[in-house]
């Protein structure tokens, strides 16, 4: 039985129908928050909303023009939605680069912009940005993803500085490789660009820099999301919380 530390709070989680997003939805709902699951997968978002007693928002975050006029009344915003493409820079499809930057940097900016007036009016807000160890470190063949996550780190810090006087915090969570479909779908591409069998990707690529040799579980990330959303984290802002098994300690 979880605590009721988020009773009366409304949360919005993007990419909330699966992976880290779904784990975060469940963690926030278990602590009493009413959660809106925002996802392009309408059916999956609705099913999870039914499970946790929340609501769903079928939204394509690549439609940034539509986001420019959105107004959000959430107390907690979790920017989680993301995609990945792996390719050397000289072969990287410019359309894929723009798509990743749009989804993982421009859309979070527009959602923060849409949420801040409500948060400021209530002198409370929690912006939680799912960044990555790649927001702090780089890896080859991920130019768009690394660029977007580094940009998200900067956006989060600016939001923290502007929001501090209004009771709004903004932080990043920086996991290593998490056991999600997004990570699992990378294995074939990683094997191809590195010239190794798929069976060797986990040990030789994904976990080589970590001291703890396993994937991060979505529920571990979600537990940090829930804490950052709570009153206990009121003095935590402008921070980047690594959960990477020691990768960034190098």
C-alpha atoms as a PDB file:
ATOM      1  CA  UNK A   1       0.000   0.000   0.000  1.00  0.00           C
ATOM      2  CA  UNK A   2       1.564   3.268  -1.161  1.00  0.00           C
ATOM      3  CA  UNK A   3       1.299   6.554   0.696  1.00  0.00           C
ATOM      4  CA  UNK A   4      -1.245   9.217  -0.202  1.00  0.00           C
ATOM      5  CA  UNK A   5       1.421  11.880  -0.606  1.00  0.00           C
ATOM      6  CA  UNK A   6       0.042  13.074  -3.956  1.00  0.00           C
ATOM      7  CA  UNK A   7      -3.641  13.241  -3.040  1.00  0.00           C
ATOM      8  CA  UNK A   8      -5.288  16.163  -4.811  1.00  0.00           C
ATOM      9  CA  UNK A   9      -2.541  16.477  -7.420  1.00  0.00           C
ATOM     10  CA  UNK A  10      -3.091  16.086 -11.141  1.00  0.00           C
ATOM     11  CA  UNK A  11      -0.261  14.608 -13.204  1.00  0.00           C
ATOM     12  CA  UNK A  12       0.346  14.365 -16.942  1.00  0.00           C
ATOM     13  CA  UNK A  13       2.760  11.755 -18.298  1.00  0.00           C
ATOM     14  CA  UNK A  14       3.766  11.802 -21.969  1.00  0.00           C
ATOM     15  CA  UNK A  15       4.546   8.503 -23.599  1.00  0.00           C
ATOM     16  CA  UNK A  16       2.573   7.203 -20.656  1.00  0.00           C
ATOM     17  CA  UNK A  17       1.165   4.035 -22.185  1.00  0.00           C
ATOM     18  CA  UNK A  18       4.350   1.941 -22.000  1.00  0.00           C
ATOM     19  CA  UNK A  19       7.826   1.514 -20.570  1.00  0.00           C
ATOM     20  CA  UNK A  20       9.029   4.161 -18.112  1.00  0.00           C
ATOM     21  CA  UNK A  21       5.904   6.186 -18.776  1.00  0.00           C
ATOM     22  CA  UNK A  22       3.504   3.436 -17.735  1.00  0.00           C
ATOM     23  CA  UNK A  23       5.574   2.635 -14.652  1.00  0.00           C
ATOM     24  CA  UNK A  24       5.493   6.334 -13.727  1.00  0.00           C
ATOM     25  CA  UNK A  25       1.727   6.505 -14.239  1.00  0.00           C
ATOM     26  CA  UNK A  26       1.240   3.584 -11.850  1.00  0.00           C
ATOM     27  CA  UNK A  27       3.639   5.023  -9.267  1.00  0.00           C
ATOM     28  CA  UNK A  28       1.961   8.444  -9.285  1.00  0.00           C
ATOM     29  CA  UNK A  29      -1.539   6.965  -9.180  1.00  0.00           C
ATOM     30  CA  UNK A  30      -0.569   4.663  -6.305  1.00  0.00           C
ATOM     31  CA  UNK A  31       0.346   7.766  -4.295  1.00  0.00           C
ATOM     32  CA  UNK A  32      -3.005   9.410  -4.921  1.00  0.00           C
ATOM     33  CA  UNK A  33      -2.467  11.520  -8.030  1.00  0.00           C
ATOM     34  CA  UNK A  34      -5.054  11.698 -10.789  1.00  0.00           C
ATOM     35  CA  UNK A  35      -3.030  10.899 -13.891  1.00  0.00           C
ATOM     36  CA  UNK A  36      -3.550  11.837 -17.523  1.00  0.00           C
ATOM     37  CA  UNK A  37      -1.850   9.349 -19.844  1.00  0.00           C
ATOM     38  CA  UNK A  38      -0.739  11.166 -22.994  1.00  0.00           C
ATOM     39  CA  UNK A  39       0.271   8.867 -25.829  1.00  0.00           C
ATOM     40  CA  UNK A  40      -0.023   8.436 -29.575  1.00  0.00           C
ATOM     41  CA  UNK A  41      -1.322   4.892 -28.888  1.00  0.00           C
ATOM     42  CA  UNK A  42      -4.905   5.755 -28.039  1.00  0.00           C
ATOM     43  CA  UNK A  43      -6.006   2.222 -27.122  1.00  0.00           C
ATOM     44  CA  UNK A  44      -3.060   1.535 -24.805  1.00  0.00           C
ATOM     45  CA  UNK A  45      -3.445   4.907 -23.093  1.00  0.00           C
ATOM     46  CA  UNK A  46      -7.161   4.318 -22.525  1.00  0.00           C
ATOM     47  CA  UNK A  47      -6.540   0.834 -21.129  1.00  0.00           C
ATOM     48  CA  UNK A  48      -3.989   2.114 -18.621  1.00  0.00           C
ATOM     49  CA  UNK A  49      -6.275   4.995 -17.672  1.00  0.00           C
ATOM     50  CA  UNK A  50      -8.995   2.482 -16.871  1.00  0.00           C
ATOM     51  CA  UNK A  51      -6.535   0.490 -14.756  1.00  0.00           C
ATOM     52  CA  UNK A  52      -5.413   3.420 -12.596  1.00  0.00           C
ATOM     53  CA  UNK A  53      -8.584   5.483 -12.549  1.00  0.00           C
ATOM     54  CA  UNK A  54      -7.090   8.215 -14.685  1.00  0.00           C
ATOM     55  CA  UNK A  55      -7.844   9.701 -18.078  1.00  0.00           C
ATOM     56  CA  UNK A  56      -6.176   9.393 -21.459  1.00  0.00           C
ATOM     57  CA  UNK A  57      -5.129  11.986 -24.016  1.00  0.00           C
ATOM     58  CA  UNK A  58      -4.528  10.662 -27.527  1.00  0.00           C
ATOM     59  CA  UNK A  59      -1.961  13.113 -28.835  1.00  0.00           C
ATOM     60  CA  UNK A  60       0.723  13.237 -31.482  1.00  0.00           C
ATOM     61  CA  UNK A  61       3.474  15.323 -29.904  1.00  0.00           C
ATOM     62  CA  UNK A  62       5.077  15.811 -33.305  1.00  0.00           C
ATOM     63  CA  UNK A  63       2.175  18.124 -34.138  1.00  0.00           C
ATOM     64  CA  UNK A  64       3.846  21.056 -32.455  1.00  0.00           C
ATOM     65  CA  UNK A  65       1.584  23.649 -34.036  1.00  0.00           C
ATOM     66  CA  UNK A  66      -1.344  22.152 -32.117  1.00  0.00           C
ATOM     67  CA  UNK A  67       0.686  22.207 -28.889  1.00  0.00           C
ATOM     68  CA  UNK A  68       1.273  25.946 -29.240  1.00  0.00           C
ATOM     69  CA  UNK A  69      -2.337  26.647 -28.235  1.00  0.00           C
ATOM     70  CA  UNK A  70      -2.731  23.975 -25.535  1.00  0.00           C
ATOM     71  CA  UNK A  71      -3.417  24.998 -21.936  1.00  0.00           C
ATOM     72  CA  UNK A  72      -2.651  22.437 -19.233  1.00  0.00           C
ATOM     73  CA  UNK A  73      -4.056  22.334 -15.696  1.00  0.00           C
ATOM     74  CA  UNK A  74      -1.674  19.703 -14.316  1.00  0.00           C
ATOM     75  CA  UNK A  75       0.353  20.063 -11.127  1.00  0.00           C
ATOM     76  CA  UNK A  76       2.943  17.485 -12.223  1.00  0.00           C
ATOM     77  CA  UNK A  77       4.292  17.217 -15.770  1.00  0.00           C
ATOM     78  CA  UNK A  78       6.425  14.237 -16.724  1.00  0.00           C
ATOM     79  CA  UNK A  79       8.092  14.702 -20.115  1.00  0.00           C
ATOM     80  CA  UNK A  80       8.878  11.115 -21.026  1.00  0.00           C
ATOM     81  CA  UNK A  81       7.985  10.459 -24.672  1.00  0.00           C
ATOM     82  CA  UNK A  82      10.940   9.535 -26.843  1.00  0.00           C
ATOM     83  CA  UNK A  83      12.230   7.636 -29.850  1.00  0.00           C
ATOM     84  CA  UNK A  84      15.662   6.530 -31.005  1.00  0.00           C
ATOM     85  CA  UNK A  85      17.574   6.241 -34.272  1.00  0.00           C
ATOM     86  CA  UNK A  86      21.105   4.855 -34.565  1.00  0.00           C
ATOM     87  CA  UNK A  87      23.323   5.790 -37.483  1.00  0.00           C
ATOM     88  CA  UNK A  88      26.667   7.438 -38.261  1.00  0.00           C
ATOM     89  CA  UNK A  89      26.293  11.194 -38.745  1.00  0.00           C
ATOM     90  CA  UNK A  90      27.150  11.043 -42.450  1.00  0.00           C
ATOM     91  CA  UNK A  91      24.300   8.585 -43.010  1.00  0.00           C
ATOM     92  CA  UNK A  92      21.813  10.042 -40.516  1.00  0.00           C
ATOM     93  CA  UNK A  93      18.511  10.900 -42.186  1.00  0.00           C
ATOM     94  CA  UNK A  94      17.895  14.627 -41.610  1.00  0.00           C
ATOM     95  CA  UNK A  95      14.168  13.945 -41.285  1.00  0.00           C
ATOM     96  CA  UNK A  96      14.887  11.518 -38.432  1.00  0.00           C
ATOM     97  CA  UNK A  97      17.135  14.100 -36.754  1.00  0.00           C
ATOM     98  CA  UNK A  98      14.392  16.722 -36.917  1.00  0.00           C
ATOM     99  CA  UNK A  99      11.761  14.267 -35.694  1.00  0.00           C
ATOM    100  CA  UNK A 100      13.785  13.393 -32.587  1.00  0.00           C
ATOM    101  CA  UNK A 101      14.519  17.033 -31.807  1.00  0.00           C
ATOM    102  CA  UNK A 102      10.845  17.906 -32.237  1.00  0.00           C
ATOM    103  CA  UNK A 103       9.514  15.118 -30.046  1.00  0.00           C
ATOM    104  CA  UNK A 104      12.168  15.193 -27.338  1.00  0.00           C
ATOM    105  CA  UNK A 105      13.015  18.900 -27.030  1.00  0.00           C
ATOM    106  CA  UNK A 106      10.478  21.157 -28.745  1.00  0.00           C
ATOM    107  CA  UNK A 107       7.425  19.261 -27.468  1.00  0.00           C
ATOM    108  CA  UNK A 108       8.643  19.329 -23.824  1.00  0.00           C
ATOM    109  CA  UNK A 109       9.226  23.091 -24.162  1.00  0.00           C
ATOM    110  CA  UNK A 110       5.694  23.607 -25.459  1.00  0.00           C
ATOM    111  CA  UNK A 111       4.165  21.432 -22.732  1.00  0.00           C
ATOM    112  CA  UNK A 112       6.117  23.238 -20.011  1.00  0.00           C
ATOM    113  CA  UNK A 113       4.985  26.525 -21.535  1.00  0.00           C
ATOM    114  CA  UNK A 114       1.386  25.294 -21.454  1.00  0.00           C
ATOM    115  CA  UNK A 115       1.596  24.063 -17.848  1.00  0.00           C
ATOM    116  CA  UNK A 116       3.391  26.928 -16.117  1.00  0.00           C
ATOM    117  CA  UNK A 117       0.491  29.416 -15.891  1.00  0.00           C
ATOM    118  CA  UNK A 118      -1.604  26.917 -13.869  1.00  0.00           C
ATOM    119  CA  UNK A 119       1.391  25.980 -11.725  1.00  0.00           C
ATOM    120  CA  UNK A 120       2.302  29.621 -11.087  1.00  0.00           C
ATOM    121  CA  UNK A 121      -1.282  30.468 -10.160  1.00  0.00           C
ATOM    122  CA  UNK A 122      -1.272  27.694  -7.549  1.00  0.00           C
ATOM    123  CA  UNK A 123       2.301  28.284  -6.355  1.00  0.00           C
ATOM    124  CA  UNK A 124       3.085  24.616  -6.928  1.00  0.00           C
ATOM    125  CA  UNK A 125       4.446  22.622  -9.816  1.00  0.00           C
ATOM    126  CA  UNK A 126       6.696  19.705 -10.603  1.00  0.00           C
ATOM    127  CA  UNK A 127       8.370  19.414 -13.998  1.00  0.00           C
ATOM    128  CA  UNK A 128      10.107  16.049 -14.340  1.00  0.00           C
ATOM    129  CA  UNK A 129      12.067  15.481 -17.534  1.00  0.00           C
ATOM    130  CA  UNK A 130      13.100  11.968 -18.470  1.00  0.00           C
ATOM    131  CA  UNK A 131      16.557  12.642 -19.773  1.00  0.00           C
ATOM    132  CA  UNK A 132      19.242   9.973 -19.968  1.00  0.00           C
ATOM    133  CA  UNK A 133      22.846   9.336 -19.188  1.00  0.00           C
ATOM    134  CA  UNK A 134      23.112  10.593 -22.770  1.00  0.00           C
ATOM    135  CA  UNK A 135      22.032  13.989 -21.479  1.00  0.00           C
ATOM    136  CA  UNK A 136      25.383  14.040 -19.652  1.00  0.00           C
ATOM    137  CA  UNK A 137      27.571  11.785 -21.809  1.00  0.00           C
ATOM    138  CA  UNK A 138      27.788  11.013 -25.515  1.00  0.00           C
ATOM    139  CA  UNK A 139      27.892   7.773 -27.462  1.00  0.00           C
ATOM    140  CA  UNK A 140      28.669   7.332 -31.144  1.00  0.00           C
ATOM    141  CA  UNK A 141      25.877   6.916 -33.706  1.00  0.00           C
ATOM    142  CA  UNK A 142      23.294   8.775 -31.581  1.00  0.00           C
ATOM    143  CA  UNK A 143      23.750  12.367 -32.723  1.00  0.00           C
ATOM    144  CA  UNK A 144      20.061  13.284 -32.584  1.00  0.00           C
ATOM    145  CA  UNK A 145      19.258  11.563 -29.293  1.00  0.00           C
ATOM    146  CA  UNK A 146      22.312  12.956 -27.502  1.00  0.00           C
ATOM    147  CA  UNK A 147      21.658  16.441 -28.879  1.00  0.00           C
ATOM    148  CA  UNK A 148      18.014  16.357 -27.795  1.00  0.00           C
ATOM    149  CA  UNK A 149      18.817  15.105 -24.303  1.00  0.00           C
ATOM    150  CA  UNK A 150      21.564  17.694 -23.813  1.00  0.00           C
ATOM    151  CA  UNK A 151      19.070  20.352 -24.890  1.00  0.00           C
ATOM    152  CA  UNK A 152      16.483  18.998 -22.464  1.00  0.00           C
ATOM    153  CA  UNK A 153      18.995  19.370 -19.644  1.00  0.00           C
ATOM    154  CA  UNK A 154      19.370  23.054 -20.462  1.00  0.00           C
ATOM    155  CA  UNK A 155      15.627  23.580 -20.778  1.00  0.00           C
ATOM    156  CA  UNK A 156      15.099  21.934 -17.405  1.00  0.00           C
ATOM    157  CA  UNK A 157      17.634  24.200 -15.700  1.00  0.00           C
ATOM    158  CA  UNK A 158      16.132  27.370 -17.203  1.00  0.00           C
ATOM    159  CA  UNK A 159      12.680  26.210 -16.075  1.00  0.00           C
ATOM    160  CA  UNK A 160      14.061  25.667 -12.571  1.00  0.00           C
ATOM    161  CA  UNK A 161      15.468  29.191 -12.421  1.00  0.00           C
ATOM    162  CA  UNK A 162      12.290  30.810 -13.717  1.00  0.00           C
ATOM    163  CA  UNK A 163       9.952  28.646 -11.659  1.00  0.00           C
ATOM    164  CA  UNK A 164      11.655  28.819  -8.293  1.00  0.00           C
ATOM    165  CA  UNK A 165       9.873  31.943  -7.146  1.00  0.00           C
ATOM    166  CA  UNK A 166       6.529  30.355  -8.033  1.00  0.00           C
ATOM    167  CA  UNK A 167       6.851  27.047  -6.178  1.00  0.00           C
ATOM    168  CA  UNK A 168       7.740  25.161  -9.355  1.00  0.00           C
ATOM    169  CA  UNK A 169      10.667  22.749  -9.512  1.00  0.00           C
ATOM    170  CA  UNK A 170      12.225  21.259 -12.630  1.00  0.00           C
ATOM    171  CA  UNK A 171      14.565  18.290 -12.694  1.00  0.00           C
ATOM    172  CA  UNK A 172      15.971  15.645 -14.998  1.00  0.00           C
ATOM    173  CA  UNK A 173      16.246  11.917 -14.413  1.00  0.00           C
ATOM    174  CA  UNK A 174      19.202  10.314 -16.156  1.00  0.00           C
ATOM    175  CA  UNK A 175      18.935   6.537 -16.370  1.00  0.00           C
ATOM    176  CA  UNK A 176      21.251   4.258 -18.259  1.00  0.00           C
ATOM    177  CA  UNK A 177      19.713   1.597 -20.451  1.00  0.00           C
ATOM    178  CA  UNK A 178      16.255   0.731 -19.130  1.00  0.00           C
ATOM    179  CA  UNK A 179      14.429  -2.532 -19.787  1.00  0.00           C
ATOM    180  CA  UNK A 180      11.890  -1.082 -22.244  1.00  0.00           C
ATOM    181  CA  UNK A 181      10.794  -1.765 -25.835  1.00  0.00           C
ATOM    182  CA  UNK A 182      12.756   1.338 -26.894  1.00  0.00           C
ATOM    183  CA  UNK A 183      15.999  -0.233 -25.666  1.00  0.00           C
ATOM    184  CA  UNK A 184      15.188  -3.711 -26.915  1.00  0.00           C
ATOM    185  CA  UNK A 185      14.486  -2.327 -30.374  1.00  0.00           C
ATOM    186  CA  UNK A 186      18.002  -0.844 -30.517  1.00  0.00           C
ATOM    187  CA  UNK A 187      19.806  -4.171 -30.302  1.00  0.00           C
ATOM    188  CA  UNK A 188      19.735  -5.005 -34.021  1.00  0.00           C
ATOM    189  CA  UNK A 189      20.823  -1.488 -35.017  1.00  0.00           C
ATOM    190  CA  UNK A 190      23.609  -1.471 -32.412  1.00  0.00           C
ATOM    191  CA  UNK A 191      24.869  -4.801 -33.685  1.00  0.00           C
ATOM    192  CA  UNK A 192      24.891  -3.517 -37.249  1.00  0.00           C
ATOM    193  CA  UNK A 193      26.758  -0.237 -36.664  1.00  0.00           C
ATOM    194  CA  UNK A 194      29.285  -1.854 -34.301  1.00  0.00           C
ATOM    195  CA  UNK A 195      29.779  -4.963 -36.431  1.00  0.00           C
ATOM    196  CA  UNK A 196      29.038  -7.463 -33.652  1.00  0.00           C
ATOM    197  CA  UNK A 197      26.404 -10.185 -33.111  1.00  0.00           C
ATOM    198  CA  UNK A 198      23.158  -9.115 -31.459  1.00  0.00           C
ATOM    199  CA  UNK A 199      23.910 -11.482 -28.579  1.00  0.00           C
ATOM    200  CA  UNK A 200      26.947  -9.355 -27.642  1.00  0.00           C
ATOM    201  CA  UNK A 201      25.287  -5.928 -27.670  1.00  0.00           C
ATOM    202  CA  UNK A 202      24.175  -5.929 -24.037  1.00  0.00           C
ATOM    203  CA  UNK A 203      27.590  -6.796 -22.588  1.00  0.00           C
ATOM    204  CA  UNK A 204      29.853  -5.027 -25.083  1.00  0.00           C
ATOM    205  CA  UNK A 205      27.859  -1.863 -25.806  1.00  0.00           C
ATOM    206  CA  UNK A 206      24.999  -1.170 -23.427  1.00  0.00           C
ATOM    207  CA  UNK A 207      26.557  -2.189 -20.108  1.00  0.00           C
ATOM    208  CA  UNK A 208      30.265  -1.732 -20.783  1.00  0.00           C
ATOM    209  CA  UNK A 209      30.526   1.618 -18.940  1.00  0.00           C
ATOM    210  CA  UNK A 210      28.316   0.723 -15.975  1.00  0.00           C
ATOM    211  CA  UNK A 211      29.674  -0.651 -12.707  1.00  0.00           C
ATOM    212  CA  UNK A 212      26.388  -2.458 -12.042  1.00  0.00           C
ATOM    213  CA  UNK A 213      25.990  -4.856 -14.954  1.00  0.00           C
ATOM    214  CA  UNK A 214      22.249  -4.944 -15.509  1.00  0.00           C
ATOM    215  CA  UNK A 215      19.500  -2.933 -17.125  1.00  0.00           C
ATOM    216  CA  UNK A 216      17.590  -0.379 -15.078  1.00  0.00           C
ATOM    217  CA  UNK A 217      14.019  -1.457 -14.343  1.00  0.00           C
ATOM    218  CA  UNK A 218      11.201   0.957 -15.287  1.00  0.00           C
ATOM    219  CA  UNK A 219       9.835   0.765 -11.747  1.00  0.00           C
ATOM    220  CA  UNK A 220      13.142   2.034 -10.352  1.00  0.00           C
ATOM    221  CA  UNK A 221      12.910   5.127 -12.531  1.00  0.00           C
ATOM    222  CA  UNK A 222       9.246   5.556 -11.606  1.00  0.00           C
ATOM    223  CA  UNK A 223      10.064   5.560  -7.900  1.00  0.00           C
ATOM    224  CA  UNK A 224      12.301   8.580  -8.452  1.00  0.00           C
ATOM    225  CA  UNK A 225       9.609  10.263 -10.551  1.00  0.00           C
ATOM    226  CA  UNK A 226       7.161   9.854  -7.670  1.00  0.00           C
ATOM    227  CA  UNK A 227       9.598  11.259  -5.117  1.00  0.00           C
ATOM    228  CA  UNK A 228      10.453  14.286  -7.253  1.00  0.00           C
ATOM    229  CA  UNK A 229       6.712  14.937  -7.582  1.00  0.00           C
ATOM    230  CA  UNK A 230       6.228  14.984  -3.825  1.00  0.00           C
ATOM    231  CA  UNK A 231       6.380  17.791  -1.274  1.00  0.00           C
ATOM    232  CA  UNK A 232       9.549  16.192   0.122  1.00  0.00           C
ATOM    233  CA  UNK A 233      11.421  17.264  -3.017  1.00  0.00           C
ATOM    234  CA  UNK A 234      10.494  20.937  -2.748  1.00  0.00           C
ATOM    235  CA  UNK A 235      14.113  22.070  -2.469  1.00  0.00           C
ATOM    236  CA  UNK A 236      15.330  19.855  -5.307  1.00  0.00           C
ATOM    237  CA  UNK A 237      15.405  21.806  -8.554  1.00  0.00           C
ATOM    238  CA  UNK A 238      17.735  22.296 -11.497  1.00  0.00           C
ATOM    239  CA  UNK A 239      19.223  18.882 -10.747  1.00  0.00           C
ATOM    240  CA  UNK A 240      20.047  15.844 -12.869  1.00  0.00           C
ATOM    241  CA  UNK A 241      19.609  12.539 -11.052  1.00  0.00           C
ATOM    242  CA  UNK A 242      21.735   9.768 -12.498  1.00  0.00           C
ATOM    243  CA  UNK A 243      20.467   6.205 -12.299  1.00  0.00           C
ATOM    244  CA  UNK A 244      23.042   4.656 -14.543  1.00  0.00           C
ATOM    245  CA  UNK A 245      24.812   1.994 -12.491  1.00  0.00           C
ATOM    246  CA  UNK A 246      27.924   4.178 -12.204  1.00  0.00           C
ATOM    247  CA  UNK A 247      28.347   4.948 -15.921  1.00  0.00           C
ATOM    248  CA  UNK A 248      28.736   8.704 -15.371  1.00  0.00           C
ATOM    249  CA  UNK A 249      31.163   8.169 -12.480  1.00  0.00           C
ATOM    250  CA  UNK A 250      33.887   7.553 -15.054  1.00  0.00           C
END
